[in-house]
Amino acid sequence: MIGEMNTHTSTPGRLQFVAGGIEKSDIQGNVVNMFENLSREIQEEIGIDLTNSNVVSRVTSKYVIHWQAIALVYLIELSIDSHELKLHYDSFETKLHSESIIPEFSSIVFVHARRISEFLKNDQRSKLDFLPKVLEQLSEELIQ
């Protein structure tokens, strides 16, 4: 799943992963709690609680990418299918609108692992710099 950035963001229309920077609340002593950061960003952007085992089956750190800073990429495997995730996101989006909050994503995009190359070739929307490389590498790992 990828999000298309909403019109009020700094990169409207760009496709990217759920993402965010480190906040003061993520720092505990001299350590950055990446799970806390990831949990907050996932909750804020798509309304998923990473501690809910009925929805999330596994969270795995996958890549470290040097991109204007360091980007950590995690694979979040869900216990729900894409249809259930879409229903969940639609409900989350409705909740945000009812609270007068504009969602960060204008839409979510699902890409099947076996169709990543086709997606990258045919989808002309702007993409986060390292999104294609991460998707291609992930595709290779998931298809094996």
N, C-alpha and C. Protein backbone atom coordinates (compact mmCIF):
# COMPACT_ATOMS: atom_id res chain seq x y z
N MET A 1 0.83 -1.17 0.00
CA MET A 1 0.00 0.00 0.00
C MET A 1 0.88 1.24 0.00
N ILE A 2 0.47 2.20 -0.79
CA ILE A 2 1.18 3.47 -0.93
C ILE A 2 0.14 4.57 -0.80
N GLY A 3 0.52 5.70 -0.27
CA GLY A 3 -0.40 6.83 -0.19
C GLY A 3 -0.10 7.88 -1.24
N GLU A 4 -1.15 8.49 -1.76
CA GLU A 4 -0.99 9.64 -2.65
C GLU A 4 -1.19 10.89 -1.81
N MET A 5 -0.19 11.75 -1.76
CA MET A 5 -0.23 12.91 -0.89
C MET A 5 -1.36 13.86 -1.27
N ASN A 6 -2.01 14.40 -0.25
CA ASN A 6 -3.15 15.28 -0.44
C ASN A 6 -2.71 16.68 -0.88
N THR A 7 -3.66 17.47 -1.35
CA THR A 7 -3.36 18.79 -1.93
C THR A 7 -2.78 19.78 -0.93
N HIS A 8 -3.04 19.63 0.36
CA HIS A 8 -2.54 20.57 1.37
C HIS A 8 -1.12 20.26 1.84
N THR A 9 -0.52 19.18 1.34
CA THR A 9 0.82 18.80 1.78
C THR A 9 1.89 19.49 0.92
N SER A 10 3.13 19.32 1.30
CA SER A 10 4.22 19.96 0.55
C SER A 10 4.49 19.27 -0.79
N THR A 11 3.98 18.06 -0.96
CA THR A 11 4.20 17.32 -2.22
C THR A 11 2.87 16.72 -2.72
N PRO A 12 1.90 17.56 -3.08
CA PRO A 12 0.59 17.04 -3.50
C PRO A 12 0.71 16.11 -4.71
N GLY A 13 -0.03 15.00 -4.63
CA GLY A 13 -0.07 14.04 -5.73
C GLY A 13 1.07 13.04 -5.75
N ARG A 14 2.11 13.26 -4.95
CA ARG A 14 3.26 12.35 -4.94
C ARG A 14 2.88 11.06 -4.21
N LEU A 15 3.35 9.96 -4.74
CA LEU A 15 3.16 8.67 -4.10
C LEU A 15 4.30 8.42 -3.13
N GLN A 16 3.93 7.98 -1.93
CA GLN A 16 4.97 7.66 -0.96
C GLN A 16 4.45 6.69 0.07
N PHE A 17 5.38 6.17 0.82
CA PHE A 17 5.04 5.30 1.94
C PHE A 17 4.55 6.14 3.10
N VAL A 18 3.91 5.52 4.08
CA VAL A 18 3.63 6.20 5.33
C VAL A 18 4.99 6.59 5.90
N ALA A 19 5.13 7.85 6.31
CA ALA A 19 6.45 8.29 6.74
C ALA A 19 6.34 9.47 7.70
N GLY A 20 7.44 9.73 8.36
CA GLY A 20 7.49 10.88 9.24
C GLY A 20 8.85 11.00 9.90
N GLY A 21 9.07 12.13 10.48
CA GLY A 21 10.33 12.39 11.14
C GLY A 21 10.29 12.04 12.62
N ILE A 22 11.45 12.08 13.21
CA ILE A 22 11.59 11.81 14.64
C ILE A 22 11.06 13.01 15.41
N GLU A 23 10.26 12.74 16.43
CA GLU A 23 9.76 13.79 17.30
C GLU A 23 10.34 13.60 18.69
N LYS A 24 10.27 14.63 19.49
CA LYS A 24 10.84 14.59 20.84
C LYS A 24 10.29 13.42 21.66
N SER A 25 9.00 13.10 21.46
CA SER A 25 8.38 12.01 22.22
C SER A 25 8.96 10.64 21.84
N ASP A 26 9.67 10.55 20.70
CA ASP A 26 10.28 9.29 20.27
C ASP A 26 11.62 9.03 20.96
N ILE A 27 12.16 10.06 21.58
CA ILE A 27 13.49 9.95 22.20
C ILE A 27 13.32 9.64 23.68
N GLN A 28 13.91 8.51 24.07
CA GLN A 28 13.83 8.06 25.46
C GLN A 28 15.25 7.91 25.97
N GLY A 29 15.67 8.90 26.77
CA GLY A 29 17.06 8.96 27.19
C GLY A 29 17.90 9.34 25.99
N ASN A 30 18.86 8.51 25.64
CA ASN A 30 19.71 8.75 24.47
C ASN A 30 19.35 7.85 23.30
N VAL A 31 18.16 7.23 23.36
CA VAL A 31 17.76 6.26 22.34
C VAL A 31 16.49 6.73 21.65
N VAL A 32 16.46 6.57 20.33
CA VAL A 32 15.25 6.86 19.57
C VAL A 32 14.44 5.57 19.50
N ASN A 33 13.21 5.62 19.98
CA ASN A 33 12.31 4.48 19.94
C ASN A 33 11.62 4.46 18.58
N MET A 34 12.19 3.71 17.64
CA MET A 34 11.67 3.70 16.27
C MET A 34 10.28 3.07 16.20
N PHE A 35 9.99 2.09 17.07
CA PHE A 35 8.66 1.50 17.05
C PHE A 35 7.61 2.53 17.47
N GLU A 36 7.95 3.35 18.44
CA GLU A 36 7.05 4.43 18.87
C GLU A 36 6.80 5.41 17.71
N ASN A 37 7.86 5.77 17.02
CA ASN A 37 7.76 6.67 15.88
C ASN A 37 6.90 6.05 14.78
N LEU A 38 7.19 4.82 14.43
CA LEU A 38 6.45 4.12 13.39
C LEU A 38 4.98 3.97 13.78
N SER A 39 4.73 3.61 15.03
CA SER A 39 3.36 3.45 15.51
C SER A 39 2.56 4.74 15.39
N ARG A 40 3.18 5.84 15.78
CA ARG A 40 2.49 7.14 15.70
C ARG A 40 2.19 7.52 14.25
N GLU A 41 3.16 7.36 13.38
CA GLU A 41 2.96 7.73 11.98
C GLU A 41 1.89 6.88 11.31
N ILE A 42 1.90 5.58 11.57
CA ILE A 42 0.89 4.68 10.99
C ILE A 42 -0.50 5.07 11.50
N GLN A 43 -0.59 5.36 12.78
CA GLN A 43 -1.88 5.76 13.37
C GLN A 43 -2.36 7.08 12.77
N GLU A 44 -1.46 8.05 12.66
CA GLU A 44 -1.83 9.37 12.15
C GLU A 44 -2.24 9.35 10.68
N GLU A 45 -1.56 8.53 9.88
CA GLU A 45 -1.76 8.59 8.44
C GLU A 45 -2.77 7.60 7.88
N ILE A 46 -2.87 6.41 8.51
CA ILE A 46 -3.85 5.45 7.99
C ILE A 46 -4.72 4.81 9.07
N GLY A 47 -4.53 5.23 10.33
CA GLY A 47 -5.42 4.79 11.40
C GLY A 47 -5.24 3.35 11.85
N ILE A 48 -4.04 2.83 11.71
CA ILE A 48 -3.79 1.45 12.14
C ILE A 48 -2.96 1.45 13.41
N ASP A 49 -3.39 0.63 14.38
CA ASP A 49 -2.69 0.45 15.64
C ASP A 49 -1.75 -0.75 15.47
N LEU A 50 -0.45 -0.51 15.47
CA LEU A 50 0.51 -1.59 15.26
C LEU A 50 0.48 -2.65 16.36
N THR A 51 -0.11 -2.34 17.50
CA THR A 51 -0.17 -3.33 18.58
C THR A 51 -1.43 -4.20 18.49
N ASN A 52 -2.30 -3.93 17.51
CA ASN A 52 -3.53 -4.70 17.34
C ASN A 52 -3.23 -5.96 16.53
N SER A 53 -3.10 -7.09 17.19
CA SER A 53 -2.75 -8.34 16.51
C SER A 53 -3.88 -8.87 15.63
N ASN A 54 -5.08 -8.32 15.74
CA ASN A 54 -6.16 -8.70 14.82
C ASN A 54 -5.97 -8.07 13.45
N VAL A 55 -5.13 -7.03 13.38
CA VAL A 55 -4.90 -6.32 12.12
C VAL A 55 -3.45 -6.50 11.65
N VAL A 56 -2.50 -6.43 12.57
CA VAL A 56 -1.07 -6.47 12.22
C VAL A 56 -0.48 -7.81 12.65
N SER A 57 0.09 -8.53 11.68
CA SER A 57 0.69 -9.82 12.02
C SER A 57 2.19 -9.72 12.29
N ARG A 58 2.87 -8.78 11.60
CA ARG A 58 4.32 -8.67 11.82
C ARG A 58 4.84 -7.33 11.32
N VAL A 59 5.83 -6.80 12.02
CA VAL A 59 6.53 -5.58 11.61
C VAL A 59 8.01 -5.94 11.54
N THR A 60 8.62 -5.72 10.37
CA THR A 60 10.01 -6.10 10.16
C THR A 60 10.77 -4.92 9.59
N SER A 61 11.92 -4.60 10.20
CA SER A 61 12.78 -3.57 9.59
C SER A 61 13.43 -4.21 8.37
N LYS A 62 13.44 -3.46 7.26
CA LYS A 62 13.93 -4.02 6.00
C LYS A 62 15.17 -3.32 5.46
N TYR A 63 15.14 -1.99 5.41
CA TYR A 63 16.20 -1.27 4.70
C TYR A 63 16.58 -0.01 5.46
N VAL A 64 17.81 0.40 5.26
CA VAL A 64 18.26 1.73 5.66
C VAL A 64 18.71 2.40 4.38
N ILE A 65 18.13 3.55 4.09
CA ILE A 65 18.42 4.26 2.85
C ILE A 65 18.95 5.64 3.19
N HIS A 66 20.06 6.03 2.59
CA HIS A 66 20.60 7.37 2.79
C HIS A 66 19.93 8.29 1.79
N TRP A 67 19.11 9.18 2.29
CA TRP A 67 18.29 10.04 1.43
C TRP A 67 18.10 11.37 2.16
N GLN A 68 18.94 12.35 1.85
CA GLN A 68 18.97 13.65 2.53
C GLN A 68 19.18 13.48 4.02
N ALA A 69 18.97 12.34 4.54
CA ALA A 69 19.18 11.92 5.91
C ALA A 69 19.10 10.40 5.83
N ILE A 70 18.85 9.75 6.92
CA ILE A 70 18.71 8.30 6.88
C ILE A 70 17.22 7.97 6.93
N ALA A 71 16.78 7.10 6.03
CA ALA A 71 15.39 6.64 6.03
C ALA A 71 15.39 5.16 6.40
N LEU A 72 14.59 4.81 7.38
CA LEU A 72 14.41 3.41 7.75
C LEU A 72 13.11 2.94 7.14
N VAL A 73 13.13 1.79 6.49
CA VAL A 73 11.94 1.25 5.84
C VAL A 73 11.55 -0.04 6.55
N TYR A 74 10.28 -0.12 6.92
CA TYR A 74 9.74 -1.29 7.59
C TYR A 74 8.68 -1.94 6.72
N LEU A 75 8.61 -3.26 6.77
CA LEU A 75 7.54 -4.00 6.13
C LEU A 75 6.53 -4.33 7.21
N ILE A 76 5.29 -3.90 6.99
CA ILE A 76 4.22 -4.18 7.94
C ILE A 76 3.27 -5.16 7.27
N GLU A 77 3.24 -6.37 7.81
CA GLU A 77 2.36 -7.40 7.26
C GLU A 77 1.06 -7.39 8.06
N LEU A 78 -0.03 -7.35 7.33
CA LEU A 78 -1.34 -7.26 7.96
C LEU A 78 -2.06 -8.60 7.94
N SER A 79 -2.96 -8.77 8.90
CA SER A 79 -3.80 -9.95 8.98
C SER A 79 -5.08 -9.76 8.18
N ILE A 80 -5.26 -8.58 7.64
CA ILE A 80 -6.44 -8.27 6.85
C ILE A 80 -6.04 -8.14 5.38
N ASP A 81 -7.00 -8.35 4.48
CA ASP A 81 -6.69 -8.24 3.06
C ASP A 81 -6.87 -6.80 2.58
N SER A 82 -6.55 -6.56 1.32
CA SER A 82 -6.61 -5.19 0.78
C SER A 82 -8.02 -4.61 0.82
N HIS A 83 -9.03 -5.44 0.63
CA HIS A 83 -10.41 -4.95 0.70
C HIS A 83 -10.73 -4.47 2.12
N GLU A 84 -10.35 -5.27 3.11
CA GLU A 84 -10.59 -4.88 4.51
C GLU A 84 -9.79 -3.63 4.87
N LEU A 85 -8.57 -3.53 4.36
CA LEU A 85 -7.75 -2.35 4.62
C LEU A 85 -8.38 -1.11 4.00
N LYS A 86 -8.90 -1.25 2.79
CA LYS A 86 -9.58 -0.13 2.13
C LYS A 86 -10.79 0.31 2.94
N LEU A 87 -11.59 -0.62 3.42
CA LEU A 87 -12.75 -0.28 4.26
C LEU A 87 -12.29 0.42 5.54
N HIS A 88 -11.22 -0.09 6.13
CA HIS A 88 -10.67 0.53 7.34
C HIS A 88 -10.22 1.96 7.05
N TYR A 89 -9.49 2.14 5.96
CA TYR A 89 -9.00 3.48 5.62
C TYR A 89 -10.16 4.43 5.33
N ASP A 90 -11.17 3.97 4.61
CA ASP A 90 -12.33 4.81 4.32
C ASP A 90 -13.00 5.27 5.62
N SER A 91 -13.13 4.36 6.58
CA SER A 91 -13.72 4.70 7.88
C SER A 91 -12.84 5.70 8.62
N PHE A 92 -11.53 5.48 8.59
CA PHE A 92 -10.57 6.39 9.23
C PHE A 92 -10.66 7.78 8.60
N GLU A 93 -10.72 7.83 7.28
CA GLU A 93 -10.81 9.09 6.56
C GLU A 93 -12.11 9.84 6.93
N THR A 94 -13.21 9.12 7.03
CA THR A 94 -14.49 9.71 7.42
C THR A 94 -14.38 10.29 8.83
N LYS A 95 -13.72 9.56 9.73
CA LYS A 95 -13.53 10.04 11.11
C LYS A 95 -12.72 11.33 11.11
N LEU A 96 -11.63 11.37 10.34
CA LEU A 96 -10.82 12.59 10.28
C LEU A 96 -11.65 13.77 9.78
N HIS A 97 -12.40 13.56 8.71
CA HIS A 97 -13.23 14.64 8.16
C HIS A 97 -14.25 15.12 9.19
N SER A 98 -14.82 14.20 9.97
CA SER A 98 -15.81 14.58 10.98
C SER A 98 -15.18 15.43 12.08
N GLU A 99 -13.85 15.32 12.24
CA GLU A 99 -13.11 16.10 13.22
C GLU A 99 -12.45 17.33 12.57
N SER A 100 -12.85 17.62 11.33
CA SER A 100 -12.30 18.74 10.54
C SER A 100 -10.80 18.62 10.33
N ILE A 101 -10.33 17.39 10.19
CA ILE A 101 -8.92 17.13 9.90
C ILE A 101 -8.82 16.65 8.46
N ILE A 102 -7.91 17.25 7.70
CA ILE A 102 -7.70 16.83 6.32
C ILE A 102 -6.66 15.71 6.34
N PRO A 103 -7.00 14.55 5.78
CA PRO A 103 -6.05 13.44 5.77
C PRO A 103 -4.79 13.79 4.99
N GLU A 104 -3.68 13.21 5.40
CA GLU A 104 -2.42 13.45 4.70
C GLU A 104 -2.45 12.84 3.30
N PHE A 105 -3.14 11.69 3.17
CA PHE A 105 -3.26 11.04 1.87
C PHE A 105 -4.61 11.37 1.26
N SER A 106 -4.61 11.67 -0.05
CA SER A 106 -5.88 11.87 -0.75
C SER A 106 -6.47 10.53 -1.15
N SER A 107 -5.61 9.54 -1.28
CA SER A 107 -6.06 8.18 -1.59
C SER A 107 -4.94 7.21 -1.24
N ILE A 108 -5.32 5.94 -1.18
CA ILE A 108 -4.31 4.90 -1.00
C ILE A 108 -4.29 4.06 -2.28
N VAL A 109 -3.11 3.54 -2.57
CA VAL A 109 -2.89 2.78 -3.80
C VAL A 109 -2.36 1.41 -3.40
N PHE A 110 -2.99 0.38 -3.94
CA PHE A 110 -2.53 -0.98 -3.67
C PHE A 110 -1.79 -1.50 -4.90
N VAL A 111 -0.63 -2.10 -4.66
CA VAL A 111 0.15 -2.66 -5.75
C VAL A 111 0.51 -4.10 -5.37
N HIS A 112 0.09 -5.05 -6.19
CA HIS A 112 0.40 -6.45 -5.95
C HIS A 112 1.89 -6.68 -6.21
N ALA A 113 2.52 -7.50 -5.39
CA ALA A 113 3.96 -7.76 -5.52
C ALA A 113 4.35 -8.24 -6.91
N ARG A 114 3.50 -8.98 -7.56
CA ARG A 114 3.81 -9.50 -8.90
C ARG A 114 3.57 -8.46 -9.99
N ARG A 115 3.03 -7.30 -9.63
CA ARG A 115 2.74 -6.27 -10.64
C ARG A 115 3.51 -4.97 -10.39
N ILE A 116 4.53 -5.02 -9.55
CA ILE A 116 5.28 -3.82 -9.21
C ILE A 116 5.97 -3.23 -10.43
N SER A 117 6.64 -4.06 -11.22
CA SER A 117 7.34 -3.55 -12.42
C SER A 117 6.36 -2.86 -13.36
N GLU A 118 5.21 -3.49 -13.58
CA GLU A 118 4.17 -2.92 -14.44
C GLU A 118 3.67 -1.59 -13.87
N PHE A 119 3.45 -1.57 -12.57
CA PHE A 119 2.99 -0.35 -11.90
C PHE A 119 4.00 0.78 -12.09
N LEU A 120 5.27 0.50 -11.82
CA LEU A 120 6.31 1.53 -11.92
C LEU A 120 6.47 2.03 -13.36
N LYS A 121 6.29 1.15 -14.31
CA LYS A 121 6.41 1.53 -15.72
C LYS A 121 5.22 2.38 -16.18
N ASN A 122 4.02 2.05 -15.72
CA ASN A 122 2.81 2.68 -16.25
C ASN A 122 2.25 3.83 -15.44
N ASP A 123 2.52 3.89 -14.15
CA ASP A 123 1.96 4.95 -13.31
C ASP A 123 2.86 6.18 -13.40
N GLN A 124 2.34 7.25 -13.94
CA GLN A 124 3.14 8.45 -14.22
C GLN A 124 3.19 9.45 -13.07
N ARG A 125 2.52 9.17 -11.96
CA ARG A 125 2.55 10.11 -10.85
C ARG A 125 3.96 10.23 -10.26
N SER A 126 4.23 11.39 -9.71
CA SER A 126 5.49 11.62 -9.02
C SER A 126 5.60 10.64 -7.85
N LYS A 127 6.83 10.17 -7.58
CA LYS A 127 7.04 9.20 -6.52
C LYS A 127 8.20 9.63 -5.61
N LEU A 128 8.07 9.29 -4.35
CA LEU A 128 9.16 9.48 -3.40
C LEU A 128 10.43 8.91 -4.01
N ASP A 129 11.54 9.61 -3.88
CA ASP A 129 12.79 9.26 -4.55
C ASP A 129 13.13 7.77 -4.51
N PHE A 130 13.08 7.17 -3.33
CA PHE A 130 13.52 5.78 -3.21
C PHE A 130 12.38 4.77 -3.29
N LEU A 131 11.14 5.22 -3.52
CA LEU A 131 10.00 4.31 -3.58
C LEU A 131 10.17 3.22 -4.66
N PRO A 132 10.53 3.56 -5.90
CA PRO A 132 10.68 2.50 -6.91
C PRO A 132 11.71 1.44 -6.52
N LYS A 133 12.86 1.87 -6.02
CA LYS A 133 13.92 0.92 -5.66
C LYS A 133 13.46 -0.01 -4.54
N VAL A 134 12.81 0.54 -3.52
CA VAL A 134 12.33 -0.28 -2.41
C VAL A 134 11.27 -1.26 -2.90
N LEU A 135 10.34 -0.80 -3.74
CA LEU A 135 9.29 -1.69 -4.25
C LEU A 135 9.88 -2.82 -5.10
N GLU A 136 10.85 -2.49 -5.96
CA GLU A 136 11.47 -3.53 -6.79
C GLU A 136 12.18 -4.57 -5.93
N GLN A 137 12.93 -4.12 -4.95
CA GLN A 137 13.65 -5.05 -4.07
C GLN A 137 12.68 -5.89 -3.27
N LEU A 138 11.64 -5.28 -2.75
CA LEU A 138 10.63 -5.99 -1.98
C LEU A 138 9.92 -7.02 -2.85
N SER A 139 9.62 -6.67 -4.07
CA SER A 139 8.97 -7.57 -5.02
C SER A 139 9.82 -8.83 -5.21
N GLU A 140 11.11 -8.64 -5.41
CA GLU A 140 12.00 -9.78 -5.59
C GLU A 140 11.99 -10.69 -4.37
N GLU A 141 11.99 -10.11 -3.18
CA GLU A 141 11.99 -10.90 -1.95
C GLU A 141 10.68 -11.64 -1.75
N LEU A 142 9.56 -10.97 -2.02
CA LEU A 142 8.24 -11.58 -1.77
C LEU A 142 7.89 -12.66 -2.78
N ILE A 143 8.37 -12.53 -3.99
CA ILE A 143 8.02 -13.50 -5.02
C ILE A 143 8.83 -14.78 -4.89
N GLN A 144 10.01 -14.71 -4.31
CA GLN A 144 10.86 -15.92 -4.16
C GLN A 144 10.22 -16.95 -3.29
